[in-house]
N, C-alpha and C. Protein backbone atom coordinates (compact mmCIF):
# COMPACT_ATOMS: atom_id res chain seq x y z
N MET A 1 62.39 -100.65 -5.17
CA MET A 1 61.68 -101.74 -5.53
C MET A 1 60.51 -101.43 -6.45
N LEU A 2 61.15 -102.24 -7.72
CA LEU A 2 59.12 -102.14 -8.59
C LEU A 2 59.02 -103.83 -8.39
N ILE A 3 57.89 -103.49 -8.11
CA ILE A 3 56.70 -104.67 -7.90
C ILE A 3 55.73 -104.90 -8.95
N LEU A 4 55.33 -105.97 -9.77
CA LEU A 4 54.54 -106.20 -10.55
C LEU A 4 53.50 -107.02 -9.81
N GLY A 5 52.22 -106.55 -9.62
CA GLY A 5 51.13 -107.49 -9.16
C GLY A 5 50.39 -107.82 -10.06
N ILE A 6 49.83 -109.18 -10.38
CA ILE A 6 49.16 -109.45 -11.57
C ILE A 6 48.20 -110.65 -10.83
N ASP A 7 46.72 -109.97 -11.31
CA ASP A 7 45.82 -110.61 -10.77
C ASP A 7 45.45 -111.84 -11.88
N PRO A 8 45.32 -112.94 -11.81
CA PRO A 8 45.75 -113.88 -13.10
C PRO A 8 43.74 -113.78 -13.70
N GLY A 9 43.15 -114.31 -14.97
CA GLY A 9 42.39 -114.40 -15.12
C GLY A 9 42.44 -115.50 -16.76
N ILE A 10 41.76 -115.79 -17.40
CA ILE A 10 41.56 -116.13 -19.18
C ILE A 10 41.14 -115.26 -19.99
N GLY A 11 40.39 -114.26 -19.73
CA GLY A 11 39.64 -113.65 -20.14
C GLY A 11 40.42 -111.91 -19.69
N ILE A 12 40.43 -111.62 -18.48
CA ILE A 12 41.07 -110.43 -18.46
C ILE A 12 42.05 -110.90 -17.03
N THR A 13 43.61 -110.45 -17.30
CA THR A 13 44.57 -110.82 -16.63
C THR A 13 44.86 -108.91 -16.10
N GLY A 14 44.31 -109.12 -14.97
CA GLY A 14 44.88 -108.11 -14.25
C GLY A 14 46.53 -107.34 -13.97
N TYR A 15 47.08 -105.88 -14.17
CA TYR A 15 48.61 -105.81 -13.84
C TYR A 15 48.59 -104.30 -13.05
N GLY A 16 49.81 -104.40 -12.13
CA GLY A 16 49.70 -103.23 -11.76
C GLY A 16 51.56 -103.01 -11.08
N LEU A 17 51.90 -102.25 -11.51
CA LEU A 17 53.51 -102.11 -11.63
C LEU A 17 53.04 -100.91 -9.72
N VAL A 18 53.86 -101.40 -8.77
CA VAL A 18 53.96 -100.39 -7.55
C VAL A 18 55.55 -100.51 -8.06
N GLU A 19 56.25 -98.87 -7.66
CA GLU A 19 57.32 -98.68 -6.64
C GLU A 19 57.65 -98.54 -5.16
N ALA A 20 58.15 -99.24 -4.48
CA ALA A 20 58.03 -99.19 -3.24
C ALA A 20 59.71 -98.93 -2.76
N ARG A 21 59.20 -97.21 -1.90
CA ARG A 21 60.83 -96.98 -1.77
C ARG A 21 60.91 -96.53 -0.09
N GLY A 22 61.21 -97.76 0.42
CA GLY A 22 60.82 -97.42 2.32
C GLY A 22 59.28 -97.62 2.84
N ASN A 23 59.17 -97.22 2.95
CA ASN A 23 57.06 -97.14 3.43
C ASN A 23 56.58 -96.50 2.10
N ARG A 24 57.05 -94.90 1.32
CA ARG A 24 56.38 -94.74 0.21
C ARG A 24 55.72 -95.68 -1.19
N LEU A 25 54.88 -95.83 -1.10
CA LEU A 25 54.49 -96.59 -2.41
C LEU A 25 54.25 -95.78 -3.56
N GLU A 26 54.60 -95.65 -4.70
CA GLU A 26 53.77 -94.74 -6.03
C GLU A 26 53.35 -95.92 -7.00
N ALA A 27 52.24 -95.70 -7.46
CA ALA A 27 51.88 -96.84 -9.16
C ALA A 27 52.33 -95.79 -9.63
N LYS A 28 53.13 -96.91 -10.25
CA LYS A 28 53.54 -96.77 -11.75
C LYS A 28 53.01 -96.87 -13.42
N HIS A 29 52.30 -97.60 -13.31
CA HIS A 29 51.10 -97.96 -14.25
C HIS A 29 50.20 -99.65 -14.26
N HIS A 30 49.02 -99.34 -14.57
CA HIS A 30 48.43 -100.30 -14.44
C HIS A 30 47.55 -101.09 -15.91
N GLY A 31 46.88 -101.90 -15.87
CA GLY A 31 46.08 -102.07 -17.10
C GLY A 31 45.73 -103.50 -17.09
N VAL A 32 45.20 -104.29 -18.20
CA VAL A 32 44.88 -105.07 -18.30
C VAL A 32 45.26 -105.88 -19.34
N ILE A 33 45.47 -107.22 -19.71
CA ILE A 33 45.90 -108.14 -20.44
C ILE A 33 44.38 -109.14 -21.10
N ARG A 34 43.82 -108.59 -22.22
CA ARG A 34 42.29 -109.28 -22.87
C ARG A 34 42.73 -110.01 -23.55
N THR A 35 42.06 -111.08 -23.54
CA THR A 35 41.64 -112.29 -24.49
C THR A 35 40.68 -112.77 -24.83
N LYS A 36 40.03 -112.89 -25.98
CA LYS A 36 39.02 -113.06 -26.78
C LYS A 36 38.17 -114.45 -26.46
N ALA A 37 37.08 -113.84 -25.59
CA ALA A 37 36.30 -115.02 -25.32
C ALA A 37 35.67 -115.89 -26.96
N GLY A 38 35.28 -117.14 -26.36
CA GLY A 38 35.14 -118.30 -27.84
C GLY A 38 36.04 -118.37 -28.65
N GLU A 39 37.45 -117.55 -27.96
CA GLU A 39 38.54 -118.56 -28.84
C GLU A 39 39.04 -119.72 -27.78
N ASP A 40 39.94 -120.53 -28.75
CA ASP A 40 40.51 -121.49 -27.80
C ASP A 40 41.17 -121.57 -26.77
N THR A 41 41.05 -122.03 -25.74
CA THR A 41 41.68 -122.14 -24.61
C THR A 41 43.52 -121.25 -25.01
N ALA A 42 43.86 -122.26 -26.46
CA ALA A 42 45.28 -122.32 -26.28
C ALA A 42 46.13 -121.27 -27.02
N ASN A 43 44.39 -120.73 -27.67
CA ASN A 43 45.41 -119.25 -27.90
C ASN A 43 45.00 -118.02 -27.13
N ARG A 44 44.01 -118.28 -26.29
CA ARG A 44 44.00 -116.92 -25.33
C ARG A 44 45.27 -117.46 -24.43
N LEU A 45 46.17 -118.59 -24.16
CA LEU A 45 46.89 -118.60 -23.23
C LEU A 45 48.18 -117.85 -24.15
N CYS A 46 48.23 -118.23 -25.25
CA CYS A 46 49.64 -117.81 -26.05
C CYS A 46 49.24 -115.94 -25.88
N VAL A 47 47.96 -115.64 -26.54
CA VAL A 47 48.01 -114.06 -26.21
C VAL A 47 48.84 -113.51 -24.78
N LEU A 48 48.28 -114.49 -23.58
CA LEU A 48 48.32 -114.04 -22.27
C LEU A 48 49.75 -114.03 -22.33
N HIS A 49 50.72 -115.05 -22.64
CA HIS A 49 51.91 -115.32 -22.43
C HIS A 49 52.72 -113.92 -23.17
N GLU A 50 52.23 -113.24 -24.36
CA GLU A 50 52.99 -112.77 -25.15
C GLU A 50 52.69 -111.33 -24.61
N GLY A 51 51.46 -110.73 -24.35
CA GLY A 51 51.09 -109.48 -23.37
C GLY A 51 52.14 -109.76 -22.24
N LEU A 52 52.45 -110.99 -21.41
CA LEU A 52 53.17 -110.81 -20.23
C LEU A 52 54.50 -110.75 -20.28
N VAL A 53 55.07 -111.24 -21.65
CA VAL A 53 56.21 -111.03 -22.05
C VAL A 53 56.68 -109.53 -22.56
N GLU A 54 55.72 -108.73 -23.18
CA GLU A 54 56.18 -106.91 -23.65
C GLU A 54 56.09 -106.53 -22.14
N LEU A 55 55.20 -107.00 -21.32
CA LEU A 55 54.72 -106.40 -20.22
C LEU A 55 56.17 -106.29 -19.60
N LEU A 56 56.98 -106.99 -19.24
CA LEU A 56 57.70 -107.28 -18.59
C LEU A 56 59.34 -107.11 -18.51
N LYS A 57 59.02 -106.97 -20.32
CA LYS A 57 60.03 -106.05 -21.35
C LYS A 57 60.35 -104.41 -20.62
N GLU A 58 58.70 -103.99 -20.80
CA GLU A 58 58.63 -102.72 -20.64
C GLU A 58 58.59 -102.27 -19.03
N THR A 59 58.13 -102.97 -18.24
CA THR A 59 58.55 -102.55 -16.63
C THR A 59 59.75 -103.00 -15.82
N ALA A 60 60.58 -103.97 -16.72
CA ALA A 60 61.49 -104.49 -15.81
C ALA A 60 61.53 -104.95 -14.05
N PRO A 61 60.28 -105.52 -14.03
CA PRO A 61 60.03 -105.47 -12.30
C PRO A 61 61.21 -106.08 -11.74
N ASP A 62 60.98 -105.87 -10.11
CA ASP A 62 62.51 -106.62 -9.61
C ASP A 62 61.65 -107.88 -9.06
N VAL A 63 60.58 -108.10 -9.22
CA VAL A 63 59.52 -108.91 -8.61
C VAL A 63 58.12 -109.05 -8.98
N VAL A 64 57.94 -109.78 -9.02
CA VAL A 64 56.42 -109.98 -9.44
C VAL A 64 55.86 -111.52 -8.75
N ALA A 65 54.45 -110.15 -8.63
CA ALA A 65 53.80 -110.70 -7.18
C ALA A 65 52.35 -111.35 -7.70
N VAL A 66 51.96 -112.86 -7.38
CA VAL A 66 50.87 -113.57 -8.17
C VAL A 66 49.87 -113.86 -6.90
N GLU A 67 48.65 -113.31 -7.52
CA GLU A 67 47.61 -114.25 -6.43
C GLU A 67 47.16 -115.72 -6.51
N GLU A 68 47.15 -116.32 -5.27
CA GLU A 68 47.30 -117.57 -5.76
C GLU A 68 45.61 -117.96 -5.94
N LEU A 69 45.40 -118.89 -6.19
CA LEU A 69 44.10 -119.78 -7.31
C LEU A 69 43.14 -119.63 -5.88
N PHE A 70 41.75 -119.02 -6.00
CA PHE A 70 40.87 -119.41 -4.78
C PHE A 70 40.19 -120.24 -5.70
N PHE A 71 40.12 -121.52 -5.22
CA PHE A 71 38.47 -122.53 -5.31
C PHE A 71 37.10 -122.09 -5.12
N ASN A 72 36.51 -121.67 -6.12
CA ASN A 72 35.18 -121.52 -5.40
C ASN A 72 34.64 -123.17 -6.33
N THR A 73 33.72 -122.37 -6.42
CA THR A 73 32.28 -123.79 -7.06
C THR A 73 32.25 -124.33 -8.39
N ASN A 74 33.23 -122.89 -9.18
CA ASN A 74 33.02 -123.11 -10.58
C ASN A 74 34.57 -123.88 -11.19
N VAL A 75 33.68 -125.29 -10.91
CA VAL A 75 35.50 -125.56 -11.95
C VAL A 75 36.22 -125.46 -12.99
N THR A 76 34.93 -125.39 -13.71
CA THR A 76 35.60 -125.22 -14.56
C THR A 76 36.40 -123.40 -14.86
N THR A 77 36.06 -122.72 -14.29
CA THR A 77 36.85 -121.40 -14.16
C THR A 77 37.97 -121.21 -13.39
N ALA A 78 38.00 -122.08 -12.40
CA ALA A 78 38.93 -122.54 -11.29
C ALA A 78 40.27 -123.23 -12.72
N LEU A 79 40.20 -124.06 -13.33
CA LEU A 79 41.08 -124.64 -14.10
C LEU A 79 41.56 -123.84 -14.84
N THR A 80 40.46 -123.04 -15.78
CA THR A 80 41.08 -121.64 -16.55
C THR A 80 42.00 -121.14 -16.46
N VAL A 81 41.25 -120.55 -14.90
CA VAL A 81 42.25 -119.32 -13.88
C VAL A 81 43.61 -119.94 -13.81
N GLY A 82 43.59 -121.36 -13.47
CA GLY A 82 44.69 -122.41 -13.27
C GLY A 82 45.57 -122.18 -14.47
N GLN A 83 45.07 -122.39 -15.42
CA GLN A 83 46.57 -122.21 -16.84
C GLN A 83 46.82 -120.90 -16.96
N ALA A 84 45.71 -120.17 -16.67
CA ALA A 84 46.36 -118.72 -16.85
C ALA A 84 47.97 -118.36 -15.95
N ARG A 85 47.42 -118.78 -14.76
CA ARG A 85 48.62 -118.37 -13.91
C ARG A 85 49.67 -119.48 -14.04
N GLY A 86 49.50 -120.86 -14.49
CA GLY A 86 50.90 -121.26 -15.02
C GLY A 86 51.89 -120.73 -15.96
N VAL A 87 50.81 -120.20 -16.99
CA VAL A 87 51.40 -118.50 -17.77
C VAL A 87 52.68 -117.76 -17.34
N ILE A 88 51.30 -117.38 -16.28
CA ILE A 88 52.07 -116.31 -15.60
C ILE A 88 53.28 -116.92 -14.98
N LEU A 89 53.54 -117.91 -14.15
CA LEU A 89 54.27 -118.31 -13.64
C LEU A 89 55.80 -118.64 -14.19
N LEU A 90 54.96 -119.21 -15.65
CA LEU A 90 56.53 -119.86 -16.23
C LEU A 90 56.75 -118.20 -17.09
N THR A 91 56.35 -117.17 -17.24
CA THR A 91 56.90 -116.42 -18.33
C THR A 91 57.78 -115.61 -17.26
N ALA A 92 57.34 -115.45 -16.38
CA ALA A 92 58.10 -114.45 -15.20
C ALA A 92 59.40 -115.73 -15.14
N ALA A 93 59.05 -116.98 -14.98
CA ALA A 93 60.51 -117.48 -14.57
C ALA A 93 61.33 -117.44 -15.63
N GLN A 94 60.87 -117.59 -16.76
CA GLN A 94 61.63 -117.68 -18.41
C GLN A 94 61.96 -116.35 -17.92
N ALA A 95 62.03 -114.72 -17.42
CA ALA A 95 62.30 -114.02 -17.62
C ALA A 95 63.68 -113.71 -16.82
N GLY A 96 63.59 -114.82 -15.67
CA GLY A 96 64.19 -114.67 -14.72
C GLY A 96 63.86 -113.35 -13.18
N VAL A 97 62.97 -113.23 -13.22
CA VAL A 97 62.26 -112.36 -12.61
C VAL A 97 61.80 -113.16 -11.22
N GLU A 98 61.95 -112.81 -10.31
CA GLU A 98 61.53 -113.34 -8.81
C GLU A 98 60.21 -113.43 -8.45
N LEU A 99 59.25 -114.45 -8.19
CA LEU A 99 58.26 -114.48 -7.85
C LEU A 99 57.96 -114.31 -6.32
N ALA A 100 57.02 -114.16 -5.80
CA ALA A 100 55.89 -114.42 -5.04
C ALA A 100 54.58 -114.20 -5.01
N GLU A 101 54.23 -115.21 -4.21
CA GLU A 101 52.67 -115.55 -4.51
C GLU A 101 51.57 -115.10 -2.74
N TYR A 102 50.63 -114.74 -3.13
CA TYR A 102 49.72 -114.43 -2.30
C TYR A 102 48.13 -114.96 -2.08
N THR A 103 47.39 -115.23 -0.84
CA THR A 103 46.30 -115.26 -1.08
C THR A 103 45.45 -114.10 -1.14
N PRO A 104 44.20 -114.28 -1.70
CA PRO A 104 43.13 -113.46 -1.54
C PRO A 104 42.65 -112.70 -0.19
N LEU A 105 43.01 -113.68 0.63
CA LEU A 105 42.73 -113.18 2.24
C LEU A 105 44.15 -112.35 2.35
N GLN A 106 45.61 -112.90 2.15
CA GLN A 106 46.70 -111.99 2.58
C GLN A 106 46.23 -111.12 2.27
N VAL A 107 45.77 -110.71 0.54
CA VAL A 107 46.31 -109.58 0.28
C VAL A 107 44.85 -108.59 0.61
N LYS A 108 43.37 -108.85 1.06
CA LYS A 108 42.67 -107.93 1.52
C LYS A 108 42.88 -107.76 2.56
N GLN A 109 43.48 -108.75 3.59
CA GLN A 109 43.73 -108.40 4.67
C GLN A 109 45.43 -107.01 4.93
N THR A 110 46.07 -107.11 3.86
CA THR A 110 47.07 -106.87 4.17
C THR A 110 46.82 -104.87 3.61
N VAL A 111 45.98 -105.02 2.69
CA VAL A 111 45.40 -103.84 2.02
C VAL A 111 44.37 -103.10 3.32
N THR A 112 43.20 -103.68 3.06
CA THR A 112 42.10 -103.03 3.87
C THR A 112 42.22 -103.36 5.17
N GLY A 113 42.95 -104.32 5.79
CA GLY A 113 42.80 -104.62 7.09
C GLY A 113 41.77 -106.02 7.84
N HIS A 114 40.88 -106.30 6.36
CA HIS A 114 39.89 -107.04 6.56
C HIS A 114 40.03 -108.13 5.90
N GLY A 115 40.20 -109.22 5.93
CA GLY A 115 40.69 -110.03 5.03
C GLY A 115 39.18 -110.98 4.08
N ARG A 116 37.93 -110.34 4.22
CA ARG A 116 36.66 -110.10 3.49
C ARG A 116 36.57 -109.28 2.99
N ALA A 117 37.06 -108.66 2.76
CA ALA A 117 36.99 -106.79 2.20
C ALA A 117 35.84 -107.22 0.71
N SER A 118 35.65 -106.37 0.64
CA SER A 118 34.96 -106.17 -1.00
C SER A 118 35.81 -105.87 -1.77
N LYS A 119 35.11 -105.92 -2.89
CA LYS A 119 35.94 -105.35 -4.32
C LYS A 119 36.12 -104.12 -4.11
N GLN A 120 35.31 -103.43 -3.50
CA GLN A 120 34.74 -101.79 -3.72
C GLN A 120 35.72 -101.24 -2.43
N GLN A 121 35.79 -101.84 -1.34
CA GLN A 121 36.59 -101.36 -0.04
C GLN A 121 38.04 -101.45 -0.81
N VAL A 122 38.74 -102.73 -1.43
CA VAL A 122 39.85 -102.67 -1.64
C VAL A 122 40.14 -101.52 -2.58
N GLY A 123 39.53 -101.31 -3.60
CA GLY A 123 39.96 -100.33 -4.61
C GLY A 123 39.57 -98.96 -3.84
N PHE A 124 39.00 -99.42 -3.13
CA PHE A 124 39.04 -97.80 -2.68
C PHE A 124 40.29 -97.37 -1.74
N MET A 125 40.87 -98.58 -1.15
CA MET A 125 42.45 -98.76 -0.40
C MET A 125 43.26 -98.75 -1.01
N VAL A 126 42.91 -99.40 -1.90
CA VAL A 126 44.47 -99.02 -3.20
C VAL A 126 44.64 -97.31 -3.53
N GLN A 127 43.27 -97.30 -4.04
CA GLN A 127 43.01 -95.51 -4.58
C GLN A 127 43.88 -94.59 -3.11
N ALA A 128 43.79 -95.05 -1.86
CA ALA A 128 44.03 -93.83 -0.62
C ALA A 128 45.58 -94.63 -0.48
N LEU A 129 46.04 -95.67 -0.48
CA LEU A 129 47.31 -95.81 -0.32
C LEU A 129 48.10 -95.66 -1.40
N LEU A 130 47.69 -95.42 -2.83
CA LEU A 130 48.67 -94.59 -3.73
C LEU A 130 48.28 -93.38 -4.01
N ASN A 131 47.87 -92.59 -3.53
CA ASN A 131 47.23 -91.68 -3.71
C ASN A 131 47.21 -90.97 -5.15
N LEU A 132 45.67 -91.73 -5.89
CA LEU A 132 45.63 -92.18 -6.91
C LEU A 132 44.19 -91.06 -6.86
N LYS A 133 44.07 -90.10 -7.95
CA LYS A 133 43.18 -89.25 -8.14
C LYS A 133 41.31 -89.86 -8.62
N MET A 134 41.96 -91.39 -9.17
CA MET A 134 40.55 -91.93 -9.27
C MET A 134 41.05 -93.23 -8.52
N LEU A 135 39.57 -94.11 -8.89
CA LEU A 135 39.99 -95.87 -8.86
C LEU A 135 40.43 -96.18 -9.60
N PRO A 136 41.41 -97.16 -9.89
CA PRO A 136 41.84 -97.73 -10.77
C PRO A 136 40.48 -98.81 -11.06
N ARG A 137 41.03 -98.77 -12.75
CA ARG A 137 39.50 -99.44 -13.62
C ARG A 137 40.25 -100.41 -14.47
N PRO A 138 40.16 -101.39 -15.16
CA PRO A 138 38.46 -102.31 -14.37
C PRO A 138 39.49 -102.86 -13.13
N ASP A 139 38.18 -103.72 -11.95
CA ASP A 139 38.80 -104.26 -10.68
C ASP A 139 40.04 -105.07 -11.05
N ASP A 140 40.03 -105.61 -12.22
CA ASP A 140 41.15 -106.43 -12.05
C ASP A 140 42.77 -105.80 -12.31
N ALA A 141 42.54 -104.51 -12.79
CA ALA A 141 43.86 -103.70 -12.14
C ALA A 141 43.58 -103.31 -11.18
N SER A 142 42.93 -103.14 -10.41
CA SER A 142 42.59 -102.53 -8.81
C SER A 142 43.35 -103.60 -7.75
N ASP A 143 43.04 -104.72 -8.62
CA ASP A 143 43.04 -106.23 -7.89
C ASP A 143 44.68 -106.16 -7.65
N ALA A 144 45.24 -105.95 -8.98
CA ALA A 144 46.90 -106.32 -9.11
C ALA A 144 47.58 -105.44 -8.53
N LEU A 145 47.38 -104.23 -8.33
CA LEU A 145 47.62 -102.99 -8.10
C LEU A 145 47.54 -103.15 -6.01
N ALA A 146 46.58 -104.13 -5.81
CA ALA A 146 46.34 -104.40 -4.47
C ALA A 146 47.58 -105.44 -4.14
N ILE A 147 47.46 -106.51 -4.87
CA ILE A 147 48.58 -107.83 -4.79
C ILE A 147 50.61 -107.11 -4.68
N ALA A 148 50.23 -105.65 -5.98
CA ALA A 148 51.59 -105.26 -5.58
C ALA A 148 51.81 -104.77 -4.22
N ILE A 149 50.65 -103.78 -3.86
CA ILE A 149 51.00 -103.58 -2.43
C ILE A 149 51.27 -104.37 -1.17
N CYS A 150 50.30 -105.45 -0.77
CA CYS A 150 50.83 -106.43 -0.57
C CYS A 150 52.21 -107.14 -0.44
N HIS A 151 52.48 -107.07 -1.39
CA HIS A 151 53.92 -107.70 -1.47
C HIS A 151 55.12 -106.36 -0.96
N ALA A 152 54.60 -105.29 -0.97
CA ALA A 152 55.47 -104.09 -0.27
C ALA A 152 55.31 -104.25 1.09
N HIS A 153 54.07 -104.73 1.27
CA HIS A 153 53.74 -104.50 3.02
C HIS A 153 54.70 -105.90 3.44
N LEU A 154 54.57 -107.12 2.75
CA LEU A 154 54.97 -108.31 2.84
C LEU A 154 56.47 -109.03 2.83
N GLY A 155 56.55 -108.89 1.36
CA GLY A 155 57.29 -109.25 0.74
C GLY A 155 58.94 -109.98 1.30
N VAL A 156 59.27 -108.65 2.39
CA VAL A 156 60.55 -109.33 3.04
C VAL A 156 60.33 -110.33 4.25
N SER A 157 59.51 -110.01 4.89
CA SER A 157 59.11 -111.72 5.53
C SER A 157 59.02 -112.59 4.81
N TYR A 158 58.17 -112.31 3.66
CA TYR A 158 57.80 -113.37 2.71
C TYR A 158 59.05 -114.05 2.17
N ILE A 159 59.63 -113.32 1.89
CA ILE A 159 60.89 -114.28 0.79
C ILE A 159 62.05 -114.58 2.13
N SER A 160 62.16 -113.63 3.10
CA SER A 160 63.05 -114.58 4.23
C SER A 160 62.29 -115.57 4.90
N ARG A 161 61.03 -116.04 5.00
CA ARG A 161 60.58 -117.56 4.94
C ARG A 161 60.77 -118.47 4.66
N ALA A 162 60.52 -118.04 3.04
CA ALA A 162 60.89 -119.00 1.83
C ALA A 162 61.97 -118.97 2.01
N GLN A 163 62.85 -118.53 2.24
CA GLN A 163 64.66 -118.79 2.34
C GLN A 163 65.06 -119.63 4.08
N GLY A 164 64.07 -119.46 4.35
CA GLY A 164 64.37 -120.50 5.66
C GLY A 164 64.66 -119.02 6.69
N ARG A 165 65.40 -118.20 6.52
CA ARG A 165 65.61 -117.21 7.20
C ARG A 165 64.52 -116.60 8.22
N THR A 166 64.93 -115.85 9.15
CA THR A 166 63.94 -115.11 10.09
C THR A 166 64.19 -113.73 10.19
C-alpha cells in the first residue's frame, strides 16, 4: 500500500510517500510544496492545488493521510491552514483517492509512543522507523512521513471504525 502523508500549511505543505508491506515500511519520496509569502491567499491556494495534482499523478497513492487542524492561539494561522487543508481534501477527493485524517496527538503517539513529543523526537523516530541515513528535512516533510507512518499503523482499524466495522 502506498500512503501519501500530508502536513498542511499555507506557506509550506509537507508530503511523504511511504510504502507499507505488512510490517515493513519504506520511504519512497518526501518534500514540500512552497508558496510565496506576500502573495494573496487565493493564488497561494492555487499553487498548492496545482502542486498536489502533480504529486498525486506522480505518486499514485492508495490513500492520502492528512493531519487534522490543531487550533492554537493564532486564529489567522488556523484559518489559513484550514483553507490549505480544504484544498488538500478537495484535491484528493477529485483524484478519487481514499482519505484518512489523524490528530497531531495520534501521529505523535503512534510514531514516538508519547503524544506530546517534540518535532525533534518525531524526526528521530521517523528516521529510525524508515531506516533513513539522515533526518528528513525540512520538518514539514518529516511530519508528513510521520502522518503516513501513523496511517500504516492505524489505518486498517481507522477505516474499519469509519465504515462501522470492528
